[in-house]
Amino acid sequence: MRSFESIAIIAAGISATFAQTIELGTPKNGENFFPGQEVTAQVIQPESMASCIQVGIALAINNCANDICPAPADALGSVLYAGSWTPENHQVGGSYQNFTVTLPSYLAEGPAIFTLTHLCLLGAAPYPFLEYRNATVNIVV
């Protein structure tokens, strides 16, 4: 029985690795932004062995209270973009698309979480796959 548990854990890890279908190229952790600033977000689609039918993405930002950022699955905050994406192949190893978004003018000073949310239909017998990538940025005034 122990062997079956080990195989199941390894299979789950491999599945999760192949299921990583996006990356947030920018912004990066620790970047400083001003309320109302235009920001370029880069959404990367690395080469993957997984078949993924794209449904869409959302870009959002949320202030962190007392240096604790909310989990993206609980609250995205202010949605900056929601819709389709069409990454173009620019480099070996994957494709990407840049989005220029404007941060809300009412963001409070301090840490904030910039979140990329991605939904696709994954696999040969597709199932919905939702994932988040984020960067903790600083709002300065």
N, C-alpha and C. Protein backbone atom coordinates (compact mmCIF):
# COMPACT_ATOMS: atom_id res chain seq x y z
N MET A 1 0.82 -1.19 0.00
CA MET A 1 0.00 0.00 0.00
C MET A 1 0.87 1.26 0.00
N ARG A 2 1.98 1.21 0.69
CA ARG A 2 2.88 2.35 0.76
C ARG A 2 3.40 2.72 -0.63
N SER A 3 3.66 1.71 -1.46
CA SER A 3 4.15 1.93 -2.81
C SER A 3 3.10 2.68 -3.64
N PHE A 4 1.83 2.32 -3.51
CA PHE A 4 0.77 3.00 -4.24
C PHE A 4 0.70 4.47 -3.84
N GLU A 5 0.83 4.78 -2.54
CA GLU A 5 0.81 6.16 -2.08
C GLU A 5 1.96 6.95 -2.68
N SER A 6 3.13 6.36 -2.73
CA SER A 6 4.29 7.04 -3.31
C SER A 6 4.08 7.33 -4.78
N ILE A 7 3.55 6.37 -5.51
CA ILE A 7 3.30 6.56 -6.93
C ILE A 7 2.26 7.66 -7.13
N ALA A 8 1.22 7.68 -6.32
CA ALA A 8 0.17 8.69 -6.43
C ALA A 8 0.74 10.09 -6.18
N ILE A 9 1.61 10.22 -5.21
CA ILE A 9 2.21 11.52 -4.89
C ILE A 9 3.10 11.98 -6.04
N ILE A 10 3.91 11.09 -6.58
CA ILE A 10 4.78 11.43 -7.70
C ILE A 10 3.95 11.82 -8.92
N ALA A 11 2.90 11.05 -9.21
CA ALA A 11 2.03 11.35 -10.35
C ALA A 11 1.38 12.72 -10.19
N ALA A 12 0.94 13.05 -8.99
CA ALA A 12 0.32 14.35 -8.75
C ALA A 12 1.33 15.47 -8.98
N GLY A 13 2.56 15.26 -8.55
CA GLY A 13 3.61 16.26 -8.76
C GLY A 13 3.92 16.46 -10.23
N ILE A 14 4.01 15.38 -10.98
CA ILE A 14 4.27 15.48 -12.41
C ILE A 14 3.11 16.17 -13.10
N SER A 15 1.89 15.81 -12.74
CA SER A 15 0.71 16.43 -13.33
C SER A 15 0.70 17.93 -13.06
N ALA A 16 1.03 18.34 -11.85
CA ALA A 16 1.04 19.76 -11.51
C ALA A 16 2.12 20.50 -12.30
N THR A 17 3.26 19.85 -12.54
CA THR A 17 4.32 20.47 -13.31
C THR A 17 3.88 20.70 -14.74
N PHE A 18 3.28 19.70 -15.38
CA PHE A 18 2.82 19.86 -16.74
C PHE A 18 1.66 20.84 -16.83
N ALA A 19 0.91 20.99 -15.76
CA ALA A 19 -0.27 21.84 -15.78
C ALA A 19 0.07 23.32 -15.65
N GLN A 20 1.31 23.65 -15.33
CA GLN A 20 1.69 25.05 -15.23
C GLN A 20 1.74 25.63 -16.64
N THR A 21 0.71 26.34 -17.01
CA THR A 21 0.56 26.76 -18.39
C THR A 21 0.85 28.23 -18.62
N ILE A 22 1.09 29.01 -17.55
CA ILE A 22 1.39 30.43 -17.72
C ILE A 22 2.44 30.86 -16.71
N GLU A 23 3.02 32.02 -16.99
CA GLU A 23 3.94 32.68 -16.06
C GLU A 23 3.68 34.18 -16.15
N LEU A 24 3.95 34.87 -15.06
CA LEU A 24 3.87 36.33 -15.03
C LEU A 24 5.30 36.85 -15.20
N GLY A 25 5.60 37.37 -16.39
CA GLY A 25 6.94 37.88 -16.66
C GLY A 25 7.20 39.20 -15.95
N THR A 26 6.23 40.10 -16.05
CA THR A 26 6.28 41.37 -15.33
C THR A 26 4.85 41.71 -14.92
N PRO A 27 4.68 42.39 -13.81
CA PRO A 27 5.71 42.94 -12.93
C PRO A 27 6.40 41.86 -12.10
N LYS A 28 7.51 42.25 -11.52
CA LYS A 28 8.30 41.36 -10.66
C LYS A 28 8.08 41.74 -9.19
N ASN A 29 8.34 40.79 -8.31
CA ASN A 29 8.28 41.06 -6.87
C ASN A 29 9.16 42.26 -6.53
N GLY A 30 8.64 43.15 -5.68
CA GLY A 30 9.42 44.26 -5.17
C GLY A 30 9.39 45.52 -6.01
N GLU A 31 8.77 45.48 -7.20
CA GLU A 31 8.72 46.69 -8.03
C GLU A 31 7.86 47.75 -7.36
N ASN A 32 8.21 49.02 -7.59
CA ASN A 32 7.48 50.15 -7.04
C ASN A 32 6.59 50.77 -8.10
N PHE A 33 5.35 51.07 -7.73
CA PHE A 33 4.39 51.70 -8.63
C PHE A 33 3.67 52.82 -7.91
N PHE A 34 3.17 53.77 -8.68
CA PHE A 34 2.39 54.88 -8.16
C PHE A 34 0.92 54.66 -8.49
N PRO A 35 0.00 55.12 -7.64
CA PRO A 35 -1.41 55.06 -7.99
C PRO A 35 -1.63 55.82 -9.31
N GLY A 36 -2.43 55.26 -10.20
CA GLY A 36 -2.72 55.88 -11.48
C GLY A 36 -1.68 55.62 -12.57
N GLN A 37 -0.60 54.94 -12.23
CA GLN A 37 0.47 54.68 -13.19
C GLN A 37 0.07 53.62 -14.21
N GLU A 38 0.55 53.78 -15.46
CA GLU A 38 0.40 52.73 -16.46
C GLU A 38 1.50 51.70 -16.22
N VAL A 39 1.10 50.43 -16.25
CA VAL A 39 2.02 49.32 -15.98
C VAL A 39 1.91 48.32 -17.12
N THR A 40 3.04 47.76 -17.52
CA THR A 40 3.02 46.70 -18.52
C THR A 40 3.11 45.36 -17.81
N ALA A 41 2.12 44.52 -18.08
CA ALA A 41 2.12 43.16 -17.55
C ALA A 41 2.45 42.23 -18.71
N GLN A 42 3.38 41.32 -18.47
CA GLN A 42 3.74 40.35 -19.49
C GLN A 42 3.26 38.98 -19.06
N VAL A 43 2.42 38.37 -19.90
CA VAL A 43 1.90 37.03 -19.64
C VAL A 43 2.61 36.08 -20.58
N ILE A 44 3.29 35.10 -20.00
CA ILE A 44 4.13 34.17 -20.76
C ILE A 44 3.45 32.81 -20.81
N GLN A 45 3.46 32.22 -21.98
CA GLN A 45 2.99 30.84 -22.15
C GLN A 45 4.19 30.00 -22.55
N PRO A 46 4.81 29.30 -21.58
CA PRO A 46 5.96 28.47 -21.92
C PRO A 46 5.53 27.26 -22.74
N GLU A 47 6.49 26.67 -23.42
CA GLU A 47 6.19 25.43 -24.12
C GLU A 47 5.75 24.42 -23.09
N SER A 48 4.73 23.66 -23.42
CA SER A 48 4.16 22.71 -22.47
C SER A 48 3.76 21.44 -23.19
N MET A 49 3.78 20.35 -22.45
CA MET A 49 3.31 19.09 -22.99
C MET A 49 1.80 18.98 -22.84
N ALA A 50 1.20 19.86 -22.08
CA ALA A 50 -0.24 19.80 -21.82
C ALA A 50 -1.01 20.50 -22.94
N SER A 51 -2.11 19.91 -23.36
CA SER A 51 -3.00 20.53 -24.33
C SER A 51 -3.96 21.44 -23.56
N CYS A 52 -3.98 22.72 -23.93
CA CYS A 52 -4.77 23.69 -23.18
C CYS A 52 -5.55 24.57 -24.14
N ILE A 53 -6.88 24.52 -24.07
CA ILE A 53 -7.74 25.41 -24.85
C ILE A 53 -7.93 26.68 -24.03
N GLN A 54 -7.45 27.81 -24.54
CA GLN A 54 -7.50 29.06 -23.79
C GLN A 54 -8.93 29.57 -23.64
N VAL A 55 -9.28 29.96 -22.42
CA VAL A 55 -10.57 30.59 -22.15
C VAL A 55 -10.35 32.07 -21.91
N GLY A 56 -9.37 32.43 -21.07
CA GLY A 56 -9.10 33.84 -20.84
C GLY A 56 -8.23 34.07 -19.62
N ILE A 57 -7.90 35.34 -19.43
CA ILE A 57 -7.09 35.75 -18.28
C ILE A 57 -7.74 36.97 -17.62
N ALA A 58 -7.30 37.25 -16.41
CA ALA A 58 -7.64 38.49 -15.71
C ALA A 58 -6.39 39.00 -15.03
N LEU A 59 -6.20 40.30 -15.06
CA LEU A 59 -5.12 40.97 -14.34
C LEU A 59 -5.76 41.85 -13.29
N ALA A 60 -5.26 41.78 -12.07
CA ALA A 60 -5.87 42.53 -10.97
C ALA A 60 -4.81 42.95 -9.97
N ILE A 61 -5.16 43.93 -9.15
CA ILE A 61 -4.27 44.36 -8.07
C ILE A 61 -5.11 44.57 -6.81
N ASN A 62 -4.52 44.22 -5.68
CA ASN A 62 -5.22 44.34 -4.40
C ASN A 62 -4.23 44.78 -3.34
N ASN A 63 -4.62 45.79 -2.57
CA ASN A 63 -3.77 46.20 -1.45
C ASN A 63 -3.67 45.11 -0.41
N CYS A 64 -2.56 45.08 0.28
CA CYS A 64 -2.34 44.14 1.37
C CYS A 64 -2.56 44.89 2.68
N ALA A 65 -3.32 44.32 3.60
CA ALA A 65 -3.59 44.96 4.89
C ALA A 65 -2.62 44.43 5.93
N ASN A 66 -1.96 45.34 6.63
CA ASN A 66 -1.00 44.97 7.67
C ASN A 66 0.06 43.99 7.13
N ASP A 67 0.52 44.27 5.91
CA ASP A 67 1.54 43.46 5.22
C ASP A 67 1.09 42.02 4.95
N ILE A 68 -0.21 41.76 5.02
CA ILE A 68 -0.74 40.42 4.69
C ILE A 68 -1.59 40.57 3.44
N CYS A 69 -1.13 39.90 2.37
CA CYS A 69 -1.85 39.98 1.10
C CYS A 69 -2.93 38.91 1.04
N PRO A 70 -4.10 39.26 0.52
CA PRO A 70 -5.17 38.26 0.42
C PRO A 70 -4.82 37.20 -0.63
N ALA A 71 -5.28 36.00 -0.42
CA ALA A 71 -5.08 34.93 -1.41
C ALA A 71 -5.91 35.28 -2.64
N PRO A 72 -5.33 35.14 -3.84
CA PRO A 72 -6.08 35.47 -5.05
C PRO A 72 -7.40 34.71 -5.18
N ALA A 73 -7.48 33.49 -4.68
CA ALA A 73 -8.72 32.72 -4.76
C ALA A 73 -9.81 33.33 -3.88
N ASP A 74 -9.41 34.16 -2.91
CA ASP A 74 -10.38 34.79 -2.00
C ASP A 74 -10.83 36.17 -2.49
N ALA A 75 -9.87 36.93 -3.06
CA ALA A 75 -10.20 38.29 -3.51
C ALA A 75 -9.13 38.77 -4.48
N LEU A 76 -9.56 39.17 -5.68
CA LEU A 76 -8.61 39.68 -6.67
C LEU A 76 -8.36 41.17 -6.51
N GLY A 77 -9.31 41.89 -5.95
CA GLY A 77 -9.17 43.33 -5.83
C GLY A 77 -9.69 44.03 -7.06
N SER A 78 -8.98 45.05 -7.52
CA SER A 78 -9.39 45.83 -8.68
C SER A 78 -8.97 45.11 -9.95
N VAL A 79 -9.94 44.78 -10.79
CA VAL A 79 -9.64 44.10 -12.05
C VAL A 79 -9.19 45.13 -13.07
N LEU A 80 -8.01 44.91 -13.62
CA LEU A 80 -7.40 45.83 -14.58
C LEU A 80 -7.65 45.39 -16.02
N TYR A 81 -7.81 44.09 -16.22
CA TYR A 81 -8.10 43.52 -17.54
C TYR A 81 -8.76 42.17 -17.33
N ALA A 82 -9.74 41.87 -18.16
CA ALA A 82 -10.36 40.55 -18.17
C ALA A 82 -10.78 40.27 -19.61
N GLY A 83 -10.28 39.16 -20.14
CA GLY A 83 -10.64 38.82 -21.50
C GLY A 83 -9.71 37.80 -22.10
N SER A 84 -9.71 37.75 -23.40
CA SER A 84 -8.90 36.76 -24.10
C SER A 84 -7.45 37.22 -24.17
N TRP A 85 -6.61 36.30 -24.55
CA TRP A 85 -5.22 36.65 -24.81
C TRP A 85 -4.71 35.78 -25.95
N THR A 86 -3.83 36.36 -26.74
CA THR A 86 -3.30 35.67 -27.91
C THR A 86 -1.78 35.82 -27.92
N PRO A 87 -1.11 34.99 -27.13
CA PRO A 87 0.35 35.11 -27.06
C PRO A 87 0.99 34.81 -28.42
N GLU A 88 2.03 35.58 -28.73
CA GLU A 88 2.77 35.38 -29.97
C GLU A 88 4.15 34.81 -29.64
N ASN A 89 4.63 33.96 -30.51
CA ASN A 89 5.93 33.34 -30.31
C ASN A 89 7.03 34.37 -30.59
N HIS A 90 7.76 34.74 -29.54
CA HIS A 90 8.84 35.73 -29.66
C HIS A 90 10.21 35.14 -29.37
N GLN A 91 10.24 33.96 -28.81
CA GLN A 91 11.50 33.40 -28.34
C GLN A 91 11.41 31.89 -28.28
N VAL A 92 12.57 31.27 -28.21
CA VAL A 92 12.59 29.82 -28.01
C VAL A 92 12.09 29.54 -26.60
N GLY A 93 11.21 28.57 -26.45
CA GLY A 93 10.75 28.21 -25.13
C GLY A 93 9.37 28.72 -24.78
N GLY A 94 8.74 29.46 -25.68
CA GLY A 94 7.39 29.89 -25.35
C GLY A 94 6.95 31.13 -26.08
N SER A 95 5.79 31.62 -25.69
CA SER A 95 5.18 32.80 -26.29
C SER A 95 4.76 33.75 -25.18
N TYR A 96 4.51 35.02 -25.55
CA TYR A 96 4.02 35.95 -24.55
C TYR A 96 3.20 37.04 -25.20
N GLN A 97 2.46 37.75 -24.33
CA GLN A 97 1.71 38.94 -24.75
C GLN A 97 1.83 39.97 -23.65
N ASN A 98 2.05 41.22 -24.05
CA ASN A 98 2.12 42.32 -23.10
C ASN A 98 0.77 43.04 -23.04
N PHE A 99 0.40 43.47 -21.85
CA PHE A 99 -0.82 44.23 -21.62
C PHE A 99 -0.45 45.51 -20.88
N THR A 100 -0.91 46.64 -21.36
CA THR A 100 -0.71 47.90 -20.64
C THR A 100 -1.99 48.21 -19.90
N VAL A 101 -1.87 48.32 -18.59
CA VAL A 101 -3.02 48.58 -17.73
C VAL A 101 -2.73 49.80 -16.87
N THR A 102 -3.78 50.45 -16.40
CA THR A 102 -3.62 51.61 -15.53
C THR A 102 -4.06 51.24 -14.13
N LEU A 103 -3.17 51.45 -13.17
CA LEU A 103 -3.49 51.16 -11.78
C LEU A 103 -4.51 52.18 -11.26
N PRO A 104 -5.41 51.75 -10.39
CA PRO A 104 -6.39 52.69 -9.83
C PRO A 104 -5.70 53.81 -9.05
N SER A 105 -6.28 54.99 -9.10
CA SER A 105 -5.70 56.14 -8.41
C SER A 105 -5.91 56.07 -6.89
N TYR A 106 -6.80 55.19 -6.45
CA TYR A 106 -7.13 55.11 -5.03
C TYR A 106 -6.32 54.05 -4.27
N LEU A 107 -5.33 53.43 -4.92
CA LEU A 107 -4.53 52.42 -4.20
C LEU A 107 -3.83 53.05 -3.01
N ALA A 108 -3.83 52.34 -1.90
CA ALA A 108 -3.18 52.83 -0.69
C ALA A 108 -1.69 52.54 -0.74
N GLU A 109 -0.93 53.37 -0.09
CA GLU A 109 0.52 53.17 0.00
C GLU A 109 0.82 51.86 0.75
N GLY A 110 1.83 51.17 0.27
CA GLY A 110 2.24 49.93 0.92
C GLY A 110 2.23 48.76 -0.05
N PRO A 111 2.38 47.56 0.50
CA PRO A 111 2.43 46.39 -0.38
C PRO A 111 1.08 46.09 -1.02
N ALA A 112 1.15 45.54 -2.23
CA ALA A 112 -0.05 45.13 -2.96
C ALA A 112 0.30 43.86 -3.72
N ILE A 113 -0.72 43.10 -4.04
CA ILE A 113 -0.51 41.87 -4.79
C ILE A 113 -1.09 42.05 -6.19
N PHE A 114 -0.23 41.87 -7.19
CA PHE A 114 -0.62 41.95 -8.60
C PHE A 114 -0.83 40.52 -9.06
N THR A 115 -2.04 40.19 -9.52
CA THR A 115 -2.40 38.80 -9.81
C THR A 115 -2.79 38.60 -11.26
N LEU A 116 -2.25 37.54 -11.83
CA LEU A 116 -2.66 37.03 -13.12
C LEU A 116 -3.49 35.78 -12.87
N THR A 117 -4.72 35.78 -13.34
CA THR A 117 -5.60 34.62 -13.22
C THR A 117 -5.79 34.06 -14.63
N HIS A 118 -5.69 32.75 -14.75
CA HIS A 118 -5.77 32.09 -16.06
C HIS A 118 -6.74 30.93 -15.99
N LEU A 119 -7.61 30.84 -16.99
CA LEU A 119 -8.54 29.72 -17.10
C LEU A 119 -8.37 29.09 -18.47
N CYS A 120 -8.19 27.77 -18.48
CA CYS A 120 -8.14 27.03 -19.74
C CYS A 120 -8.81 25.68 -19.53
N LEU A 121 -9.04 25.02 -20.64
CA LEU A 121 -9.58 23.66 -20.62
C LEU A 121 -8.41 22.75 -20.93
N LEU A 122 -8.05 21.91 -19.98
CA LEU A 122 -6.80 21.17 -20.02
C LEU A 122 -7.01 19.71 -20.33
N GLY A 123 -6.16 19.17 -21.18
CA GLY A 123 -6.14 17.74 -21.42
C GLY A 123 -6.93 17.30 -22.64
N ALA A 124 -6.80 16.00 -22.94
CA ALA A 124 -7.48 15.41 -24.10
C ALA A 124 -8.99 15.35 -23.89
N ALA A 125 -9.40 15.03 -22.68
CA ALA A 125 -10.83 15.09 -22.31
C ALA A 125 -10.92 16.30 -21.40
N PRO A 126 -11.07 17.50 -21.97
CA PRO A 126 -10.82 18.75 -21.24
C PRO A 126 -11.57 18.88 -19.92
N TYR A 127 -10.84 19.41 -18.95
CA TYR A 127 -11.44 19.79 -17.68
C TYR A 127 -11.00 21.22 -17.39
N PRO A 128 -11.81 22.01 -16.66
CA PRO A 128 -11.44 23.39 -16.38
C PRO A 128 -10.24 23.45 -15.44
N PHE A 129 -9.28 24.26 -15.81
CA PHE A 129 -8.06 24.42 -15.03
C PHE A 129 -7.87 25.90 -14.74
N LEU A 130 -7.91 26.28 -13.47
CA LEU A 130 -7.76 27.66 -13.02
C LEU A 130 -6.46 27.79 -12.27
N GLU A 131 -5.67 28.80 -12.62
CA GLU A 131 -4.39 29.00 -11.93
C GLU A 131 -4.13 30.48 -11.73
N TYR A 132 -3.28 30.78 -10.75
CA TYR A 132 -2.92 32.14 -10.40
C TYR A 132 -1.40 32.27 -10.39
N ARG A 133 -0.93 33.41 -10.84
CA ARG A 133 0.47 33.80 -10.67
C ARG A 133 0.43 35.22 -10.14
N ASN A 134 1.34 35.55 -9.25
CA ASN A 134 1.30 36.90 -8.71
C ASN A 134 2.68 37.43 -8.38
N ALA A 135 2.71 38.72 -8.15
CA ALA A 135 3.92 39.43 -7.71
C ALA A 135 3.49 40.39 -6.60
N THR A 136 4.28 40.46 -5.56
CA THR A 136 4.03 41.43 -4.51
C THR A 136 4.80 42.70 -4.85
N VAL A 137 4.06 43.78 -5.07
CA VAL A 137 4.66 45.06 -5.48
C VAL A 137 4.44 46.08 -4.38
N ASN A 138 5.08 47.23 -4.52
CA ASN A 138 4.94 48.31 -3.54
C ASN A 138 4.25 49.50 -4.18
N ILE A 139 3.24 50.02 -3.53
CA ILE A 139 2.58 51.24 -3.97
C ILE A 139 3.20 52.38 -3.17
N VAL A 140 3.75 53.34 -3.89
CA VAL A 140 4.39 54.50 -3.24
C VAL A 140 3.67 55.77 -3.67
N VAL A 141 3.61 56.73 -2.76
CA VAL A 141 2.95 58.00 -3.08
C VAL A 141 3.90 59.14 -2.82
